[in-house]
């Protein structure tokens, strides 16, 4: 749970630390706005995947289900700057399927935390595998990190791609090829 009062106090100190006047007209309400913003963009810290993925529907389908191009926004835990992109989540059901919006909500749950992209990718794969009891999961995320585009090396447009394979996807390369074809 984000302690908005502490965030407001910290933002006020930060403004003073960079030589700004936190009481000037344009900044007077900034600590309050940033407190609300962090409560919103870090809301996934208090949620568990079972809250999202627990409701499934019986299905005889044993073929790949893919939800692709799921947009996400997250915060790099190293610089507290945003990274954003798309996630692709594929799984092979084993007697049950989950509503497609639940896969997008699972991505959002892990994106709404201070994160590393690689960890987020693994967390999504583990959550889908564990909560759905499916035969296999594949997750790929691709994102632009503002800590690389607006500071440091300053390479706008560069993207980081990470993936996680579980179960059948880790064992059968042809399944991966099928997913890549589906993603085109």
C-alpha atoms as a PDB file:
ATOM      1  CA  UNK A   1       0.000   0.000   0.000  1.00  0.00           C
ATOM      2  CA  UNK A   2       1.447   3.363  -1.021  1.00  0.00           C
ATOM      3  CA  UNK A   3       1.724   5.778   1.897  1.00  0.00           C
ATOM      4  CA  UNK A   4       0.700   8.956   0.069  1.00  0.00           C
ATOM      5  CA  UNK A   5       1.627  11.190   2.997  1.00  0.00           C
ATOM      6  CA  UNK A   6       5.236   9.938   2.929  1.00  0.00           C
ATOM      7  CA  UNK A   7       5.340  10.306  -0.860  1.00  0.00           C
ATOM      8  CA  UNK A   8       4.092  13.911  -0.617  1.00  0.00           C
ATOM      9  CA  UNK A   9       6.735  14.748   1.997  1.00  0.00           C
ATOM     10  CA  UNK A  10       9.466  13.110  -0.082  1.00  0.00           C
ATOM     11  CA  UNK A  11       8.428  14.962  -3.253  1.00  0.00           C
ATOM     12  CA  UNK A  12       8.461  18.239  -1.381  1.00  0.00           C
ATOM     13  CA  UNK A  13      12.008  17.480  -0.174  1.00  0.00           C
ATOM     14  CA  UNK A  14      13.037  16.442  -3.681  1.00  0.00           C
ATOM     15  CA  UNK A  15      11.766  19.730  -5.111  1.00  0.00           C
ATOM     16  CA  UNK A  16      13.729  21.628  -2.487  1.00  0.00           C
ATOM     17  CA  UNK A  17      16.783  19.429  -3.153  1.00  0.00           C
ATOM     18  CA  UNK A  18      16.858  20.320  -6.848  1.00  0.00           C
ATOM     19  CA  UNK A  19      16.573  24.024  -6.004  1.00  0.00           C
ATOM     20  CA  UNK A  20      12.856  24.505  -6.656  1.00  0.00           C
ATOM     21  CA  UNK A  21      10.315  26.295  -4.513  1.00  0.00           C
ATOM     22  CA  UNK A  22       7.605  23.721  -3.689  1.00  0.00           C
ATOM     23  CA  UNK A  23       5.253  26.575  -2.787  1.00  0.00           C
ATOM     24  CA  UNK A  24       5.366  28.320  -6.158  1.00  0.00           C
ATOM     25  CA  UNK A  25       2.146  28.289  -8.158  1.00  0.00           C
ATOM     26  CA  UNK A  26       3.059  25.551 -10.650  1.00  0.00           C
ATOM     27  CA  UNK A  27       4.451  23.203  -8.002  1.00  0.00           C
ATOM     28  CA  UNK A  28       2.142  23.831  -5.054  1.00  0.00           C
ATOM     29  CA  UNK A  29      -0.066  20.796  -5.758  1.00  0.00           C
ATOM     30  CA  UNK A  30       2.666  18.606  -7.285  1.00  0.00           C
ATOM     31  CA  UNK A  31       3.364  16.528  -4.142  1.00  0.00           C
ATOM     32  CA  UNK A  32      -0.350  15.674  -3.881  1.00  0.00           C
ATOM     33  CA  UNK A  33      -0.577  14.780  -7.587  1.00  0.00           C
ATOM     34  CA  UNK A  34       2.520  12.578  -7.404  1.00  0.00           C
ATOM     35  CA  UNK A  35       1.184  10.824  -4.284  1.00  0.00           C
ATOM     36  CA  UNK A  36      -2.007   9.922  -6.157  1.00  0.00           C
ATOM     37  CA  UNK A  37      -0.010   8.945  -9.251  1.00  0.00           C
ATOM     38  CA  UNK A  38       2.185   6.480  -7.349  1.00  0.00           C
ATOM     39  CA  UNK A  39      -0.858   4.964  -5.646  1.00  0.00           C
ATOM     40  CA  UNK A  40      -2.295   4.338  -9.120  1.00  0.00           C
ATOM     41  CA  UNK A  41       0.760   3.154 -11.049  1.00  0.00           C
ATOM     42  CA  UNK A  42       2.041   0.928  -8.230  1.00  0.00           C
ATOM     43  CA  UNK A  43      -1.351  -0.584  -7.358  1.00  0.00           C
ATOM     44  CA  UNK A  44      -0.182  -4.094  -8.287  1.00  0.00           C
ATOM     45  CA  UNK A  45       2.038  -4.312  -5.213  1.00  0.00           C
ATOM     46  CA  UNK A  46      -0.913  -5.319  -3.049  1.00  0.00           C
ATOM     47  CA  UNK A  47      -2.524  -7.798  -5.453  1.00  0.00           C
ATOM     48  CA  UNK A  48      -2.004 -11.522  -5.978  1.00  0.00           C
ATOM     49  CA  UNK A  49      -2.483 -13.390  -9.292  1.00  0.00           C
ATOM     50  CA  UNK A  50      -5.011 -15.781  -7.758  1.00  0.00           C
ATOM     51  CA  UNK A  51      -7.399 -12.845  -7.379  1.00  0.00           C
ATOM     52  CA  UNK A  52      -7.382 -12.504 -11.158  1.00  0.00           C
ATOM     53  CA  UNK A  53      -6.774 -15.964 -12.592  1.00  0.00           C
ATOM     54  CA  UNK A  54      -8.845 -18.105 -10.233  1.00  0.00           C
ATOM     55  CA  UNK A  55     -12.023 -18.186 -12.336  1.00  0.00           C
ATOM     56  CA  UNK A  56     -11.702 -20.623 -15.216  1.00  0.00           C
ATOM     57  CA  UNK A  57     -14.126 -22.279 -17.612  1.00  0.00           C
ATOM     58  CA  UNK A  58     -14.160 -25.944 -18.588  1.00  0.00           C
ATOM     59  CA  UNK A  59     -12.831 -26.549 -22.054  1.00  0.00           C
ATOM     60  CA  UNK A  60     -11.708 -29.503 -24.130  1.00  0.00           C
ATOM     61  CA  UNK A  61      -9.354 -27.202 -26.039  1.00  0.00           C
ATOM     62  CA  UNK A  62      -5.751 -28.360 -25.806  1.00  0.00           C
ATOM     63  CA  UNK A  63      -4.372 -26.058 -28.471  1.00  0.00           C
ATOM     64  CA  UNK A  64      -2.423 -22.849 -27.934  1.00  0.00           C
ATOM     65  CA  UNK A  65      -4.319 -19.805 -26.685  1.00  0.00           C
ATOM     66  CA  UNK A  66      -2.500 -16.536 -27.379  1.00  0.00           C
ATOM     67  CA  UNK A  67      -3.299 -13.033 -26.169  1.00  0.00           C
ATOM     68  CA  UNK A  68      -0.857 -10.775 -27.999  1.00  0.00           C
ATOM     69  CA  UNK A  69       0.040  -7.096 -28.052  1.00  0.00           C
ATOM     70  CA  UNK A  70      -1.116  -6.419 -24.479  1.00  0.00           C
ATOM     71  CA  UNK A  71       0.098  -2.885 -23.734  1.00  0.00           C
ATOM     72  CA  UNK A  72       1.740  -2.267 -20.360  1.00  0.00           C
ATOM     73  CA  UNK A  73       3.441   0.531 -18.449  1.00  0.00           C
ATOM     74  CA  UNK A  74       5.772  -0.140 -15.560  1.00  0.00           C
ATOM     75  CA  UNK A  75       8.420   1.567 -13.424  1.00  0.00           C
ATOM     76  CA  UNK A  76      12.085   0.561 -13.465  1.00  0.00           C
ATOM     77  CA  UNK A  77      13.158  -0.164  -9.919  1.00  0.00           C
ATOM     78  CA  UNK A  78      16.695   1.099 -10.602  1.00  0.00           C
ATOM     79  CA  UNK A  79      15.817   4.649 -11.684  1.00  0.00           C
ATOM     80  CA  UNK A  80      12.079   4.861 -10.950  1.00  0.00           C
ATOM     81  CA  UNK A  81      11.523   5.843 -14.564  1.00  0.00           C
ATOM     82  CA  UNK A  82       8.865   4.290 -16.801  1.00  0.00           C
ATOM     83  CA  UNK A  83       9.303   1.464 -19.233  1.00  0.00           C
ATOM     84  CA  UNK A  84       6.479   0.526 -21.544  1.00  0.00           C
ATOM     85  CA  UNK A  85       5.663  -1.866 -24.315  1.00  0.00           C
ATOM     86  CA  UNK A  86       3.700  -4.969 -25.166  1.00  0.00           C
ATOM     87  CA  UNK A  87       3.337  -8.406 -23.659  1.00  0.00           C
ATOM     88  CA  UNK A  88       2.376 -11.607 -25.448  1.00  0.00           C
ATOM     89  CA  UNK A  89       0.999 -14.464 -23.324  1.00  0.00           C
ATOM     90  CA  UNK A  90       0.381 -17.959 -24.713  1.00  0.00           C
ATOM     91  CA  UNK A  91      -0.713 -21.062 -22.843  1.00  0.00           C
ATOM     92  CA  UNK A  92      -1.895 -24.570 -23.550  1.00  0.00           C
ATOM     93  CA  UNK A  93      -5.041 -25.364 -21.536  1.00  0.00           C
ATOM     94  CA  UNK A  94      -5.439 -28.577 -19.595  1.00  0.00           C
ATOM     95  CA  UNK A  95      -9.183 -28.828 -19.017  1.00  0.00           C
ATOM     96  CA  UNK A  96      -9.878 -25.152 -18.427  1.00  0.00           C
ATOM     97  CA  UNK A  97      -9.440 -21.732 -19.951  1.00  0.00           C
ATOM     98  CA  UNK A  98      -9.453 -18.298 -18.390  1.00  0.00           C
ATOM     99  CA  UNK A  99     -11.216 -15.212 -19.704  1.00  0.00           C
ATOM    100  CA  UNK A 100      -8.907 -13.370 -22.086  1.00  0.00           C
ATOM    101  CA  UNK A 101      -9.178 -10.126 -20.129  1.00  0.00           C
ATOM    102  CA  UNK A 102      -7.678 -11.983 -17.166  1.00  0.00           C
ATOM    103  CA  UNK A 103      -4.400 -12.472 -19.027  1.00  0.00           C
ATOM    104  CA  UNK A 104      -4.220  -8.723 -19.657  1.00  0.00           C
ATOM    105  CA  UNK A 105      -5.046  -8.077 -15.994  1.00  0.00           C
ATOM    106  CA  UNK A 106      -2.275 -10.447 -14.930  1.00  0.00           C
ATOM    107  CA  UNK A 107       0.204  -8.478 -17.050  1.00  0.00           C
ATOM    108  CA  UNK A 108      -1.070  -5.270 -15.480  1.00  0.00           C
ATOM    109  CA  UNK A 109      -0.800  -6.682 -11.946  1.00  0.00           C
ATOM    110  CA  UNK A 110       2.935  -7.309 -12.356  1.00  0.00           C
ATOM    111  CA  UNK A 111       3.574  -4.164 -14.405  1.00  0.00           C
ATOM    112  CA  UNK A 112       2.083  -1.989 -11.641  1.00  0.00           C
ATOM    113  CA  UNK A 113       5.066  -2.513  -9.358  1.00  0.00           C
ATOM    114  CA  UNK A 114       8.626  -1.267  -9.204  1.00  0.00           C
ATOM    115  CA  UNK A 115      10.019  -3.818 -11.612  1.00  0.00           C
ATOM    116  CA  UNK A 116      12.690  -5.337 -13.766  1.00  0.00           C
ATOM    117  CA  UNK A 117      11.336  -6.380 -17.148  1.00  0.00           C
ATOM    118  CA  UNK A 118      12.975  -9.796 -16.916  1.00  0.00           C
ATOM    119  CA  UNK A 119      11.434 -10.461 -13.493  1.00  0.00           C
ATOM    120  CA  UNK A 120       8.019  -9.260 -14.646  1.00  0.00           C
ATOM    121  CA  UNK A 121       8.148 -11.663 -17.613  1.00  0.00           C
ATOM    122  CA  UNK A 122       8.980 -14.584 -15.304  1.00  0.00           C
ATOM    123  CA  UNK A 123       6.313 -13.589 -12.770  1.00  0.00           C
ATOM    124  CA  UNK A 124       3.595 -13.523 -15.434  1.00  0.00           C
ATOM    125  CA  UNK A 125       4.664 -16.941 -16.768  1.00  0.00           C
ATOM    126  CA  UNK A 126       4.809 -18.464 -13.284  1.00  0.00           C
ATOM    127  CA  UNK A 127       1.421 -17.026 -12.316  1.00  0.00           C
ATOM    128  CA  UNK A 128      -0.330 -18.339 -15.436  1.00  0.00           C
ATOM    129  CA  UNK A 129       1.350 -21.748 -15.122  1.00  0.00           C
ATOM    130  CA  UNK A 130       0.605 -22.111 -11.395  1.00  0.00           C
ATOM    131  CA  UNK A 131      -2.891 -20.625 -11.289  1.00  0.00           C
ATOM    132  CA  UNK A 132      -4.252 -22.276 -14.453  1.00  0.00           C
ATOM    133  CA  UNK A 133      -2.496 -25.624 -14.122  1.00  0.00           C
ATOM    134  CA  UNK A 134      -1.933 -25.553 -17.858  1.00  0.00           C
ATOM    135  CA  UNK A 135       0.377 -27.716 -19.945  1.00  0.00           C
ATOM    136  CA  UNK A 136       2.687 -24.875 -20.831  1.00  0.00           C
ATOM    137  CA  UNK A 137       3.139 -21.099 -20.875  1.00  0.00           C
ATOM    138  CA  UNK A 138       5.124 -18.721 -23.029  1.00  0.00           C
ATOM    139  CA  UNK A 139       5.456 -15.011 -22.220  1.00  0.00           C
ATOM    140  CA  UNK A 140       7.377 -12.437 -24.216  1.00  0.00           C
ATOM    141  CA  UNK A 141       7.642  -8.774 -23.327  1.00  0.00           C
ATOM    142  CA  UNK A 142       9.158  -6.029 -25.421  1.00  0.00           C
ATOM    143  CA  UNK A 143       9.630  -2.584 -23.952  1.00  0.00           C
ATOM    144  CA  UNK A 144      11.286   0.776 -24.296  1.00  0.00           C
ATOM    145  CA  UNK A 145      12.998   1.912 -21.114  1.00  0.00           C
ATOM    146  CA  UNK A 146      13.115   5.653 -20.517  1.00  0.00           C
ATOM    147  CA  UNK A 147      16.167   5.125 -18.288  1.00  0.00           C
ATOM    148  CA  UNK A 148      17.937   4.265 -21.570  1.00  0.00           C
ATOM    149  CA  UNK A 149      16.205   6.747 -23.859  1.00  0.00           C
ATOM    150  CA  UNK A 150      16.170  10.004 -21.893  1.00  0.00           C
ATOM    151  CA  UNK A 151      19.268   9.621 -19.722  1.00  0.00           C
ATOM    152  CA  UNK A 152      22.480   7.621 -19.695  1.00  0.00           C
ATOM    153  CA  UNK A 153      23.154   6.140 -23.118  1.00  0.00           C
ATOM    154  CA  UNK A 154      20.224   8.108 -24.677  1.00  0.00           C
ATOM    155  CA  UNK A 155      19.130   5.625 -27.343  1.00  0.00           C
ATOM    156  CA  UNK A 156      15.447   6.382 -28.069  1.00  0.00           C
ATOM    157  CA  UNK A 157      13.566   3.657 -29.880  1.00  0.00           C
ATOM    158  CA  UNK A 158      15.721   0.817 -28.559  1.00  0.00           C
ATOM    159  CA  UNK A 159      13.707  -2.061 -27.148  1.00  0.00           C
ATOM    160  CA  UNK A 160      14.442  -4.822 -24.700  1.00  0.00           C
ATOM    161  CA  UNK A 161      12.850  -8.209 -25.335  1.00  0.00           C
ATOM    162  CA  UNK A 162      12.584 -10.891 -22.669  1.00  0.00           C
ATOM    163  CA  UNK A 163      10.817 -14.216 -22.642  1.00  0.00           C
ATOM    164  CA  UNK A 164       9.900 -17.033 -20.303  1.00  0.00           C
ATOM    165  CA  UNK A 165       8.928 -20.597 -21.226  1.00  0.00           C
ATOM    166  CA  UNK A 166       7.327 -23.101 -18.900  1.00  0.00           C
ATOM    167  CA  UNK A 167       6.146 -26.693 -19.331  1.00  0.00           C
ATOM    168  CA  UNK A 168       5.504 -27.831 -22.898  1.00  0.00           C
ATOM    169  CA  UNK A 169       6.931 -24.619 -24.382  1.00  0.00           C
ATOM    170  CA  UNK A 170      10.267 -25.232 -22.670  1.00  0.00           C
ATOM    171  CA  UNK A 171      10.343 -28.814 -23.958  1.00  0.00           C
ATOM    172  CA  UNK A 172       9.063 -28.510 -27.547  1.00  0.00           C
ATOM    173  CA  UNK A 173      10.680 -25.974 -29.864  1.00  0.00           C
ATOM    174  CA  UNK A 174       7.988 -26.490 -32.516  1.00  0.00           C
ATOM    175  CA  UNK A 175       5.426 -24.968 -30.133  1.00  0.00           C
ATOM    176  CA  UNK A 176       7.565 -21.856 -29.964  1.00  0.00           C
ATOM    177  CA  UNK A 177       7.612 -21.664 -33.744  1.00  0.00           C
ATOM    178  CA  UNK A 178       3.809 -21.896 -33.801  1.00  0.00           C
ATOM    179  CA  UNK A 179       3.499 -19.048 -31.300  1.00  0.00           C
ATOM    180  CA  UNK A 180       5.872 -16.861 -33.312  1.00  0.00           C
ATOM    181  CA  UNK A 181       3.796 -17.516 -36.430  1.00  0.00           C
ATOM    182  CA  UNK A 182       0.609 -16.624 -34.503  1.00  0.00           C
ATOM    183  CA  UNK A 183       2.201 -13.391 -33.300  1.00  0.00           C
ATOM    184  CA  UNK A 184       2.853 -12.139 -36.850  1.00  0.00           C
END
